[in-house]
């Protein structure tokens, strides 16, 4: 069964300090002010915070689910097709994204 953005939202909101937000006019979830995941403009893909090494592993392991566009190539993000994403993989994917978002936060002065 396909994962929906509501599934993504439910799993992510169970993590500490994750809040509903928006990004580029689409629904998004943030850890504080740091973007964790957002719905891509097409509505059937999510954009997920992901370190480069993990992103490459995901894409190599399942290129039908995970991909990038030229726009995202220089940034630590991966795109995931919701229709191909398994519910079982979702908590691990969002856990990786959560750790990446938390580590990318700049310390406050």
PDB file of N, CA and C in Angstrom:
ATOM      1  N   UNK A   1       0.839  -1.192   0.000  1.00  0.00           N
ATOM      2  CA  UNK A   1       0.000   0.000   0.000  1.00  0.00           C
ATOM      3  C   UNK A   1       0.879   1.248   0.000  1.00  0.00           C
ATOM      4  N   UNK A   2       0.520   2.229  -0.780  1.00  0.00           N
ATOM      5  CA  UNK A   2       1.311   3.452  -0.906  1.00  0.00           C
ATOM      6  C   UNK A   2       1.298   4.264   0.382  1.00  0.00           C
ATOM      7  N   UNK A   3       2.416   4.890   0.644  1.00  0.00           N
ATOM      8  CA  UNK A   3       2.533   5.815   1.764  1.00  0.00           C
ATOM      9  C   UNK A   3       1.945   7.154   1.324  1.00  0.00           C
ATOM     10  N   UNK A   4       1.292   7.846   2.230  1.00  0.00           N
ATOM     11  CA  UNK A   4       0.741   9.170   1.936  1.00  0.00           C
ATOM     12  C   UNK A   4       1.500  10.223   2.746  1.00  0.00           C
ATOM     13  N   UNK A   5       1.299  11.470   2.404  1.00  0.00           N
ATOM     14  CA  UNK A   5       1.918  12.530   3.195  1.00  0.00           C
ATOM     15  C   UNK A   5       1.369  12.504   4.620  1.00  0.00           C
ATOM     16  N   UNK A   6       0.123  12.110   4.798  1.00  0.00           N
ATOM     17  CA  UNK A   6      -0.429  11.985   6.156  1.00  0.00           C
ATOM     18  C   UNK A   6       0.353  10.962   6.967  1.00  0.00           C
ATOM     19  N   UNK A   7       0.795   9.857   6.328  1.00  0.00           N
ATOM     20  CA  UNK A   7       1.631   8.872   7.017  1.00  0.00           C
ATOM     21  C   UNK A   7       2.970   9.490   7.408  1.00  0.00           C
ATOM     22  N   UNK A   8       3.564  10.232   6.477  1.00  0.00           N
ATOM     23  CA  UNK A   8       4.838  10.909   6.746  1.00  0.00           C
ATOM     24  C   UNK A   8       4.667  11.858   7.928  1.00  0.00           C
ATOM     25  N   UNK A   9       3.607  12.619   7.894  1.00  0.00           N
ATOM     26  CA  UNK A   9       3.322  13.597   8.951  1.00  0.00           C
ATOM     27  C   UNK A   9       3.149  12.912  10.306  1.00  0.00           C
ATOM     28  N   UNK A  10       2.386  11.826  10.337  1.00  0.00           N
ATOM     29  CA  UNK A  10       2.138  11.108  11.591  1.00  0.00           C
ATOM     30  C   UNK A  10       3.436  10.595  12.204  1.00  0.00           C
ATOM     31  N   UNK A  11       4.287   9.986  11.392  1.00  0.00           N
ATOM     32  CA  UNK A  11       5.552   9.438  11.892  1.00  0.00           C
ATOM     33  C   UNK A  11       6.477  10.568  12.351  1.00  0.00           C
ATOM     34  N   UNK A  12       6.593  11.608  11.555  1.00  0.00           N
ATOM     35  CA  UNK A  12       7.509  12.699  11.891  1.00  0.00           C
ATOM     36  C   UNK A  12       7.070  13.471  13.132  1.00  0.00           C
ATOM     37  N   UNK A  13       5.773  13.700  13.271  1.00  0.00           N
ATOM     38  CA  UNK A  13       5.299  14.472  14.424  1.00  0.00           C
ATOM     39  C   UNK A  13       5.475  13.733  15.745  1.00  0.00           C
ATOM     40  N   UNK A  14       5.744  12.439  15.685  1.00  0.00           N
ATOM     41  CA  UNK A  14       6.023  11.680  16.903  1.00  0.00           C
ATOM     42  C   UNK A  14       7.454  11.923  17.406  1.00  0.00           C
ATOM     43  N   UNK A  15       8.277  12.562  16.602  1.00  0.00           N
ATOM     44  CA  UNK A  15       9.662  12.855  16.973  1.00  0.00           C
ATOM     45  C   UNK A  15       9.717  14.185  17.733  1.00  0.00           C
ATOM     46  N   UNK A  16      10.657  14.302  18.676  1.00  0.00           N
ATOM     47  CA  UNK A  16      10.749  15.527  19.479  1.00  0.00           C
ATOM     48  C   UNK A  16      10.984  16.776  18.629  1.00  0.00           C
ATOM     49  N   UNK A  17      10.257  17.824  18.961  1.00  0.00           N
ATOM     50  CA  UNK A  17      10.437  19.164  18.389  1.00  0.00           C
ATOM     51  C   UNK A  17      10.070  19.280  16.912  1.00  0.00           C
ATOM     52  N   UNK A  18       9.396  18.286  16.340  1.00  0.00           N
ATOM     53  CA  UNK A  18       8.958  18.380  14.948  1.00  0.00           C
ATOM     54  C   UNK A  18       7.613  19.098  14.914  1.00  0.00           C
ATOM     55  N   UNK A  19       7.505  20.055  13.995  1.00  0.00           N
ATOM     56  CA  UNK A  19       6.294  20.859  13.892  1.00  0.00           C
ATOM     57  C   UNK A  19       5.842  20.945  12.438  1.00  0.00           C
ATOM     58  N   UNK A  20       4.545  21.137  12.260  1.00  0.00           N
ATOM     59  CA  UNK A  20       3.985  21.401  10.937  1.00  0.00           C
ATOM     60  C   UNK A  20       4.457  22.768  10.466  1.00  0.00           C
ATOM     61  N   UNK A  21       4.688  22.873   9.180  1.00  0.00           N
ATOM     62  CA  UNK A  21       5.111  24.135   8.598  1.00  0.00           C
ATOM     63  C   UNK A  21       4.776  24.112   7.111  1.00  0.00           C
ATOM     64  N   UNK A  22       5.409  24.994   6.361  1.00  0.00           N
ATOM     65  CA  UNK A  22       5.293  24.970   4.905  1.00  0.00           C
ATOM     66  C   UNK A  22       6.644  25.374   4.326  1.00  0.00           C
ATOM     67  N   UNK A  23       6.845  24.984   3.074  1.00  0.00           N
ATOM     68  CA  UNK A  23       8.079  25.318   2.374  1.00  0.00           C
ATOM     69  C   UNK A  23       7.759  25.390   0.881  1.00  0.00           C
ATOM     70  N   UNK A  24       8.094  26.500   0.273  1.00  0.00           N
ATOM     71  CA  UNK A  24       7.801  26.702  -1.146  1.00  0.00           C
ATOM     72  C   UNK A  24       6.326  26.446  -1.463  1.00  0.00           C
ATOM     73  N   UNK A  25       5.470  26.840  -0.541  1.00  0.00           N
ATOM     74  CA  UNK A  25       4.035  26.719  -0.755  1.00  0.00           C
ATOM     75  C   UNK A  25       3.476  25.311  -0.597  1.00  0.00           C
ATOM     76  N   UNK A  26       4.275  24.384  -0.074  1.00  0.00           N
ATOM     77  CA  UNK A  26       3.813  23.011   0.124  1.00  0.00           C
ATOM     78  C   UNK A  26       3.879  22.653   1.605  1.00  0.00           C
ATOM     79  N   UNK A  27       3.090  21.670   2.052  1.00  0.00           N
ATOM     80  CA  UNK A  27       3.174  21.229   3.435  1.00  0.00           C
ATOM     81  C   UNK A  27       4.584  20.718   3.745  1.00  0.00           C
ATOM     82  N   UNK A  28       5.030  21.011   4.953  1.00  0.00           N
ATOM     83  CA  UNK A  28       6.377  20.621   5.359  1.00  0.00           C
ATOM     84  C   UNK A  28       6.395  20.338   6.847  1.00  0.00           C
ATOM     85  N   UNK A  29       7.456  19.682   7.268  1.00  0.00           N
ATOM     86  CA  UNK A  29       7.693  19.423   8.684  1.00  0.00           C
ATOM     87  C   UNK A  29       9.104  19.885   8.998  1.00  0.00           C
ATOM     88  N   UNK A  30       9.237  20.541  10.131  1.00  0.00           N
ATOM     89  CA  UNK A  30      10.537  21.078  10.530  1.00  0.00           C
ATOM     90  C   UNK A  30      10.882  20.626  11.941  1.00  0.00           C
ATOM     91  N   UNK A  31      12.180  20.563  12.195  1.00  0.00           N
ATOM     92  CA  UNK A  31      12.705  20.369  13.541  1.00  0.00           C
ATOM     93  C   UNK A  31      13.101  21.767  13.986  1.00  0.00           C
ATOM     94  N   UNK A  32      12.282  22.368  14.832  1.00  0.00           N
ATOM     95  CA  UNK A  32      12.480  23.779  15.128  1.00  0.00           C
ATOM     96  C   UNK A  32      12.268  24.565  13.850  1.00  0.00           C
ATOM     97  N   UNK A  33      13.332  25.233  13.373  1.00  0.00           N
ATOM     98  CA  UNK A  33      13.239  25.998  12.131  1.00  0.00           C
ATOM     99  C   UNK A  33      13.929  25.303  10.963  1.00  0.00           C
ATOM    100  N   UNK A  34      14.475  24.115  11.194  1.00  0.00           N
ATOM    101  CA  UNK A  34      15.208  23.391  10.160  1.00  0.00           C
ATOM    102  C   UNK A  34      14.279  22.436   9.425  1.00  0.00           C
ATOM    103  N   UNK A  35      14.255  22.544   8.109  1.00  0.00           N
ATOM    104  CA  UNK A  35      13.397  21.694   7.291  1.00  0.00           C
ATOM    105  C   UNK A  35      13.814  20.237   7.403  1.00  0.00           C
ATOM    106  N   UNK A  36      12.853  19.374   7.643  1.00  0.00           N
ATOM    107  CA  UNK A  36      13.052  17.930   7.752  1.00  0.00           C
ATOM    108  C   UNK A  36      12.560  17.236   6.485  1.00  0.00           C
ATOM    109  N   UNK A  37      11.344  17.538   6.092  1.00  0.00           N
ATOM    110  CA  UNK A  37      10.725  16.911   4.918  1.00  0.00           C
ATOM    111  C   UNK A  37       9.620  17.832   4.421  1.00  0.00           C
ATOM    112  N   UNK A  38       9.425  17.820   3.104  1.00  0.00           N
ATOM    113  CA  UNK A  38       8.317  18.590   2.547  1.00  0.00           C
ATOM    114  C   UNK A  38       7.726  17.818   1.381  1.00  0.00           C
ATOM    115  N   UNK A  39       6.499  18.140   1.093  1.00  0.00           N
ATOM    116  CA  UNK A  39       5.830  17.561  -0.066  1.00  0.00           C
ATOM    117  C   UNK A  39       6.298  18.327  -1.296  1.00  0.00           C
ATOM    118  N   UNK A  40       6.739  17.610  -2.300  1.00  0.00           N
ATOM    119  CA  UNK A  40       7.193  18.241  -3.540  1.00  0.00           C
ATOM    120  C   UNK A  40       5.975  18.784  -4.278  1.00  0.00           C
ATOM    121  N   UNK A  41       6.173  19.717  -5.152  1.00  0.00           N
ATOM    122  CA  UNK A  41       5.071  20.393  -5.839  1.00  0.00           C
ATOM    123  C   UNK A  41       4.147  19.436  -6.586  1.00  0.00           C
ATOM    124  N   UNK A  42       4.648  18.287  -7.038  1.00  0.00           N
ATOM    125  CA  UNK A  42       3.819  17.335  -7.776  1.00  0.00           C
ATOM    126  C   UNK A  42       2.804  16.638  -6.886  1.00  0.00           C
ATOM    127  N   UNK A  43       3.045  16.634  -5.568  1.00  0.00           N
ATOM    128  CA  UNK A  43       2.122  16.023  -4.619  1.00  0.00           C
ATOM    129  C   UNK A  43       2.301  14.533  -4.426  1.00  0.00           C
ATOM    130  N   UNK A  44       3.195  13.905  -5.182  1.00  0.00           N
ATOM    131  CA  UNK A  44       3.380  12.459  -5.054  1.00  0.00           C
ATOM    132  C   UNK A  44       4.816  12.084  -4.682  1.00  0.00           C
ATOM    133  N   UNK A  45       5.595  13.092  -4.306  1.00  0.00           N
ATOM    134  CA  UNK A  45       7.002  12.911  -3.951  1.00  0.00           C
ATOM    135  C   UNK A  45       7.281  13.739  -2.705  1.00  0.00           C
ATOM    136  N   UNK A  46       8.150  13.218  -1.825  1.00  0.00           N
ATOM    137  CA  UNK A  46       8.606  14.005  -0.690  1.00  0.00           C
ATOM    138  C   UNK A  46      10.083  14.333  -0.882  1.00  0.00           C
ATOM    139  N   UNK A  47      10.473  15.477  -0.363  1.00  0.00           N
ATOM    140  CA  UNK A  47      11.858  15.927  -0.347  1.00  0.00           C
ATOM    141  C   UNK A  47      12.332  15.744   1.096  1.00  0.00           C
ATOM    142  N   UNK A  48      13.374  14.930   1.283  1.00  0.00           N
ATOM    143  CA  UNK A  48      13.789  14.503   2.616  1.00  0.00           C
ATOM    144  C   UNK A  48      15.236  14.911   2.880  1.00  0.00           C
ATOM    145  N   UNK A  49      15.483  15.516   4.024  1.00  0.00           N
ATOM    146  CA  UNK A  49      16.856  15.866   4.427  1.00  0.00           C
ATOM    147  C   UNK A  49      17.670  14.579   4.515  1.00  0.00           C
ATOM    148  N   UNK A  50      18.855  14.571   3.876  1.00  0.00           N
ATOM    149  CA  UNK A  50      19.637  13.339   3.847  1.00  0.00           C
ATOM    150  C   UNK A  50      21.101  13.653   3.560  1.00  0.00           C
ATOM    151  N   UNK A  51      22.027  13.150   4.402  1.00  0.00           N
ATOM    152  CA  UNK A  51      23.451  13.331   4.107  1.00  0.00           C
ATOM    153  C   UNK A  51      23.802  12.689   2.766  1.00  0.00           C
ATOM    154  N   UNK A  52      24.805  13.250   2.099  1.00  0.00           N
ATOM    155  CA  UNK A  52      25.187  12.776   0.770  1.00  0.00           C
ATOM    156  C   UNK A  52      25.456  11.267   0.728  1.00  0.00           C
ATOM    157  N   UNK A  53      26.201  10.741   1.709  1.00  0.00           N
ATOM    158  CA  UNK A  53      26.552   9.314   1.668  1.00  0.00           C
ATOM    159  C   UNK A  53      25.319   8.425   1.787  1.00  0.00           C
ATOM    160  N   UNK A  54      24.401   8.796   2.652  1.00  0.00           N
ATOM    161  CA  UNK A  54      23.166   8.016   2.808  1.00  0.00           C
ATOM    162  C   UNK A  54      22.276   8.161   1.579  1.00  0.00           C
ATOM    163  N   UNK A  55      22.263   9.361   0.996  1.00  0.00           N
ATOM    164  CA  UNK A  55      21.476   9.602  -0.205  1.00  0.00           C
ATOM    165  C   UNK A  55      21.931   8.672  -1.333  1.00  0.00           C
ATOM    166  N   UNK A  56      23.227   8.572  -1.512  1.00  0.00           N
ATOM    167  CA  UNK A  56      23.752   7.707  -2.569  1.00  0.00           C
ATOM    168  C   UNK A  56      23.386   6.248  -2.322  1.00  0.00           C
ATOM    169  N   UNK A  57      23.448   5.805  -1.066  1.00  0.00           N
ATOM    170  CA  UNK A  57      23.053   4.432  -0.728  1.00  0.00           C
ATOM    171  C   UNK A  57      21.597   4.177  -1.073  1.00  0.00           C
ATOM    172  N   UNK A  58      20.736   5.117  -0.733  1.00  0.00           N
ATOM    173  CA  UNK A  58      19.312   4.963  -1.014  1.00  0.00           C
ATOM    174  C   UNK A  58      19.046   4.879  -2.518  1.00  0.00           C
ATOM    175  N   UNK A  59      19.645   5.802  -3.259  1.00  0.00           N
ATOM    176  CA  UNK A  59      19.417   5.838  -4.704  1.00  0.00           C
ATOM    177  C   UNK A  59      19.963   4.568  -5.367  1.00  0.00           C
ATOM    178  N   UNK A  60      21.165   4.148  -4.979  1.00  0.00           N
ATOM    179  CA  UNK A  60      21.745   2.930  -5.565  1.00  0.00           C
ATOM    180  C   UNK A  60      20.938   1.691  -5.198  1.00  0.00           C
ATOM    181  N   UNK A  61      20.410   1.664  -3.976  1.00  0.00           N
ATOM    182  CA  UNK A  61      19.667   0.505  -3.512  1.00  0.00           C
ATOM    183  C   UNK A  61      18.256   0.398  -4.073  1.00  0.00           C
ATOM    184  N   UNK A  62      17.639   1.533  -4.397  1.00  0.00           N
ATOM    185  CA  UNK A  62      16.263   1.518  -4.883  1.00  0.00           C
ATOM    186  C   UNK A  62      15.994   2.766  -5.741  1.00  0.00           C
ATOM    187  N   UNK A  63      16.540   2.798  -6.951  1.00  0.00           N
ATOM    188  CA  UNK A  63      16.392   3.987  -7.805  1.00  0.00           C
ATOM    189  C   UNK A  63      14.964   4.248  -8.283  1.00  0.00           C
ATOM    190  N   UNK A  64      14.081   3.258  -8.157  1.00  0.00           N
ATOM    191  CA  UNK A  64      12.681   3.491  -8.526  1.00  0.00           C
ATOM    192  C   UNK A  64      11.952   4.300  -7.455  1.00  0.00           C
ATOM    193  N   UNK A  65      12.474   4.278  -6.237  1.00  0.00           N
ATOM    194  CA  UNK A  65      11.865   5.017  -5.131  1.00  0.00           C
ATOM    195  C   UNK A  65      12.589   6.333  -4.874  1.00  0.00           C
ATOM    196  N   UNK A  66      13.913   6.275  -4.812  1.00  0.00           N
ATOM    197  CA  UNK A  66      14.721   7.434  -4.429  1.00  0.00           C
ATOM    198  C   UNK A  66      15.450   8.004  -5.634  1.00  0.00           C
ATOM    199  N   UNK A  67      15.482   9.342  -5.721  1.00  0.00           N
ATOM    200  CA  UNK A  67      16.154   9.999  -6.838  1.00  0.00           C
ATOM    201  C   UNK A  67      16.472  11.436  -6.461  1.00  0.00           C
ATOM    202  N   UNK A  68      17.213  12.107  -7.333  1.00  0.00           N
ATOM    203  CA  UNK A  68      17.449  13.539  -7.189  1.00  0.00           C
ATOM    204  C   UNK A  68      17.261  14.185  -8.563  1.00  0.00           C
ATOM    205  N   UNK A  69      17.114  15.466  -8.552  1.00  0.00           N
ATOM    206  CA  UNK A  69      17.096  16.247  -9.789  1.00  0.00           C
ATOM    207  C   UNK A  69      18.370  17.085  -9.799  1.00  0.00           C
ATOM    208  N   UNK A  70      18.656  17.696 -10.915  1.00  0.00           N
ATOM    209  CA  UNK A  70      19.836  18.559 -10.993  1.00  0.00           C
ATOM    210  C   UNK A  70      19.811  19.640  -9.922  1.00  0.00           C
ATOM    211  N   UNK A  71      18.636  20.150  -9.630  1.00  0.00           N
ATOM    212  CA  UNK A  71      18.508  21.195  -8.608  1.00  0.00           C
ATOM    213  C   UNK A  71      19.012  20.720  -7.245  1.00  0.00           C
ATOM    214  N   UNK A  72      18.695  19.486  -6.872  1.00  0.00           N
ATOM    215  CA  UNK A  72      19.047  18.972  -5.546  1.00  0.00           C
ATOM    216  C   UNK A  72      20.435  18.345  -5.472  1.00  0.00           C
ATOM    217  N   UNK A  73      21.096  18.156  -6.613  1.00  0.00           N
ATOM    218  CA  UNK A  73      22.395  17.478  -6.629  1.00  0.00           C
ATOM    219  C   UNK A  73      23.416  18.065  -5.649  1.00  0.00           C
ATOM    220  N   UNK A  74      23.550  19.390  -5.538  1.00  0.00           N
ATOM    221  CA  UNK A  74      24.562  19.923  -4.623  1.00  0.00           C
ATOM    222  C   UNK A  74      24.109  20.039  -3.161  1.00  0.00           C
ATOM    223  N   UNK A  75      22.903  19.611  -2.857  1.00  0.00           N
ATOM    224  CA  UNK A  75      22.350  19.771  -1.505  1.00  0.00           C
ATOM    225  C   UNK A  75      22.069  18.418  -0.863  1.00  0.00           C
ATOM    226  N   UNK A  76      22.047  18.393   0.448  1.00  0.00           N
ATOM    227  CA  UNK A  76      21.816  17.153   1.189  1.00  0.00           C
ATOM    228  C   UNK A  76      20.319  16.859   1.312  1.00  0.00           C
ATOM    229  N   UNK A  77      19.723  16.469   0.183  1.00  0.00           N
ATOM    230  CA  UNK A  77      18.310  16.109   0.097  1.00  0.00           C
ATOM    231  C   UNK A  77      18.173  14.910  -0.824  1.00  0.00           C
ATOM    232  N   UNK A  78      17.146  14.118  -0.596  1.00  0.00           N
ATOM    233  CA  UNK A  78      16.784  13.042  -1.513  1.00  0.00           C
ATOM    234  C   UNK A  78      15.282  13.147  -1.752  1.00  0.00           C
ATOM    235  N   UNK A  79      14.857  12.775  -2.934  1.00  0.00           N
ATOM    236  CA  UNK A  79      13.437  12.753  -3.257  1.00  0.00           C
ATOM    237  C   UNK A  79      12.967  11.311  -3.216  1.00  0.00           C
ATOM    238  N   UNK A  80      11.767  11.099  -2.704  1.00  0.00           N
ATOM    239  CA  UNK A  80      11.213   9.745  -2.587  1.00  0.00           C
ATOM    240  C   UNK A  80       9.780   9.732  -3.115  1.00  0.00           C
ATOM    241  N   UNK A  81       9.518   8.784  -4.007  1.00  0.00           N
ATOM    242  CA  UNK A  81       8.167   8.625  -4.556  1.00  0.00           C
ATOM    243  C   UNK A  81       7.288   7.944  -3.509  1.00  0.00           C
ATOM    244  N   UNK A  82       6.228   8.617  -3.098  1.00  0.00           N
ATOM    245  CA  UNK A  82       5.354   8.080  -2.057  1.00  0.00           C
ATOM    246  C   UNK A  82       4.738   6.742  -2.462  1.00  0.00           C
ATOM    247  N   UNK A  83       4.364   6.593  -3.708  1.00  0.00           N
ATOM    248  CA  UNK A  83       3.719   5.356  -4.168  1.00  0.00           C
ATOM    249  C   UNK A  83       4.659   4.156  -4.084  1.00  0.00           C
ATOM    250  N   UNK A  84       5.959   4.386  -4.076  1.00  0.00           N
ATOM    251  CA  UNK A  84       6.938   3.304  -4.027  1.00  0.00           C
ATOM    252  C   UNK A  84       7.514   3.102  -2.630  1.00  0.00           C
ATOM    253  N   UNK A  85       7.332   4.055  -1.759  1.00  0.00           N
ATOM    254  CA  UNK A  85       7.906   4.011  -0.413  1.00  0.00           C
ATOM    255  C   UNK A  85       7.091   3.073   0.468  1.00  0.00           C
ATOM    256  N   UNK A  86       7.766   2.164   1.148  1.00  0.00           N
ATOM    257  CA  UNK A  86       7.038   1.229   2.010  1.00  0.00           C
ATOM    258  C   UNK A  86       6.824   1.839   3.391  1.00  0.00           C
ATOM    259  N   UNK A  87       5.712   1.485   3.995  1.00  0.00           N
ATOM    260  CA  UNK A  87       5.409   1.953   5.346  1.00  0.00           C
ATOM    261  C   UNK A  87       6.469   1.478   6.331  1.00  0.00           C
ATOM    262  N   UNK A  88       7.042   0.303   6.068  1.00  0.00           N
ATOM    263  CA  UNK A  88       8.071  -0.241   6.952  1.00  0.00           C
ATOM    264  C   UNK A  88       9.360   0.582   6.875  1.00  0.00           C
ATOM    265  N   UNK A  89       9.664   1.146   5.708  1.00  0.00           N
ATOM    266  CA  UNK A  89      10.884   1.934   5.522  1.00  0.00           C
ATOM    267  C   UNK A  89      10.745   3.364   6.046  1.00  0.00           C
ATOM    268  N   UNK A  90       9.522   3.833   6.184  1.00  0.00           N
ATOM    269  CA  UNK A  90       9.278   5.230   6.532  1.00  0.00           C
ATOM    270  C   UNK A  90       9.920   5.658   7.863  1.00  0.00           C
ATOM    271  N   UNK A  91       9.756   4.921   8.960  1.00  0.00           N
ATOM    272  CA  UNK A  91      10.384   5.367  10.218  1.00  0.00           C
ATOM    273  C   UNK A  91      11.904   5.481  10.118  1.00  0.00           C
ATOM    274  N   UNK A  92      12.560   4.541   9.447  1.00  0.00           N
ATOM    275  CA  UNK A  92      14.015   4.613   9.300  1.00  0.00           C
ATOM    276  C   UNK A  92      14.415   5.809   8.437  1.00  0.00           C
ATOM    277  N   UNK A  93      13.698   6.024   7.335  1.00  0.00           N
ATOM    278  CA  UNK A  93      13.988   7.146   6.454  1.00  0.00           C
ATOM    279  C   UNK A  93      13.858   8.463   7.208  1.00  0.00           C
ATOM    280  N   UNK A  94      12.760   8.633   7.926  1.00  0.00           N
ATOM    281  CA  UNK A  94      12.552   9.874   8.662  1.00  0.00           C
ATOM    282  C   UNK A  94      13.495  10.001   9.847  1.00  0.00           C
ATOM    283  N   UNK A  95      13.904   8.870  10.420  1.00  0.00           N
ATOM    284  CA  UNK A  95      14.904   8.899  11.490  1.00  0.00           C
ATOM    285  C   UNK A  95      16.242   9.415  10.978  1.00  0.00           C
ATOM    286  N   UNK A  96      16.649   8.948   9.800  1.00  0.00           N
ATOM    287  CA  UNK A  96      17.887   9.459   9.187  1.00  0.00           C
ATOM    288  C   UNK A  96      17.763  10.948   8.904  1.00  0.00           C
ATOM    289  N   UNK A  97      16.609  11.347   8.388  1.00  0.00           N
ATOM    290  CA  UNK A  97      16.375  12.757   8.079  1.00  0.00           C
ATOM    291  C   UNK A  97      16.392  13.601   9.353  1.00  0.00           C
ATOM    292  N   UNK A  98      15.800  13.083  10.413  1.00  0.00           N
ATOM    293  CA  UNK A  98      15.750  13.800  11.689  1.00  0.00           C
ATOM    294  C   UNK A  98      17.164  14.028  12.221  1.00  0.00           C
ATOM    295  N   UNK A  99      17.988  12.979  12.201  1.00  0.00           N
ATOM    296  CA  UNK A  99      19.365  13.115  12.684  1.00  0.00           C
ATOM    297  C   UNK A  99      20.138  14.108  11.810  1.00  0.00           C
ATOM    298  N   UNK A 100      19.911  14.070  10.510  1.00  0.00           N
ATOM    299  CA  UNK A 100      20.584  15.004   9.602  1.00  0.00           C
ATOM    300  C   UNK A 100      20.138  16.441   9.870  1.00  0.00           C
ATOM    301  N   UNK A 101      18.855  16.635  10.086  1.00  0.00           N
ATOM    302  CA  UNK A 101      18.340  17.979  10.357  1.00  0.00           C
ATOM    303  C   UNK A 101      18.869  18.498  11.689  1.00  0.00           C
ATOM    304  N   UNK A 102      18.897  17.635  12.693  1.00  0.00           N
ATOM    305  CA  UNK A 102      19.404  18.045  14.007  1.00  0.00           C
ATOM    306  C   UNK A 102      20.885  18.405  13.939  1.00  0.00           C
ATOM    307  N   UNK A 103      21.663  17.635  13.172  1.00  0.00           N
ATOM    308  CA  UNK A 103      23.112  17.911  13.100  1.00  0.00           C
ATOM    309  C   UNK A 103      23.425  19.114  12.233  1.00  0.00           C
ATOM    310  N   UNK A 104      22.488  19.515  11.376  1.00  0.00           N
ATOM    311  CA  UNK A 104      22.756  20.665  10.505  1.00  0.00           C
ATOM    312  C   UNK A 104      22.367  21.990  11.163  1.00  0.00           C
ATOM    313  N   UNK A 105      21.732  21.892  12.317  1.00  0.00           N
ATOM    314  CA  UNK A 105      21.343  23.125  13.001  1.00  0.00           C
ATOM    315  C   UNK A 105      22.580  23.853  13.498  1.00  0.00           C
ATOM    316  N   UNK A 106      22.602  25.136  13.301  1.00  0.00           N
ATOM    317  CA  UNK A 106      23.720  25.933  13.757  1.00  0.00           C
ATOM    318  C   UNK A 106      23.518  26.278  15.230  1.00  0.00           C
ATOM    319  N   UNK A 107      24.594  26.256  16.009  1.00  0.00           N
ATOM    320  CA  UNK A 107      24.451  26.617  17.424  1.00  0.00           C
ATOM    321  C   UNK A 107      24.028  28.083  17.584  1.00  0.00           C
ATOM    322  N   UNK A 108      23.240  28.332  18.578  1.00  0.00           N
ATOM    323  CA  UNK A 108      22.805  29.713  18.849  1.00  0.00           C
ATOM    324  C   UNK A 108      23.919  30.450  19.566  1.00  0.00           C
ATOM    325  N   UNK A 109      23.996  31.726  19.278  1.00  0.00           N
ATOM    326  CA  UNK A 109      25.014  32.561  19.925  1.00  0.00           C
ATOM    327  C   UNK A 109      24.446  33.240  21.131  1.00  0.00           C
TER     328      UNK A 109
END
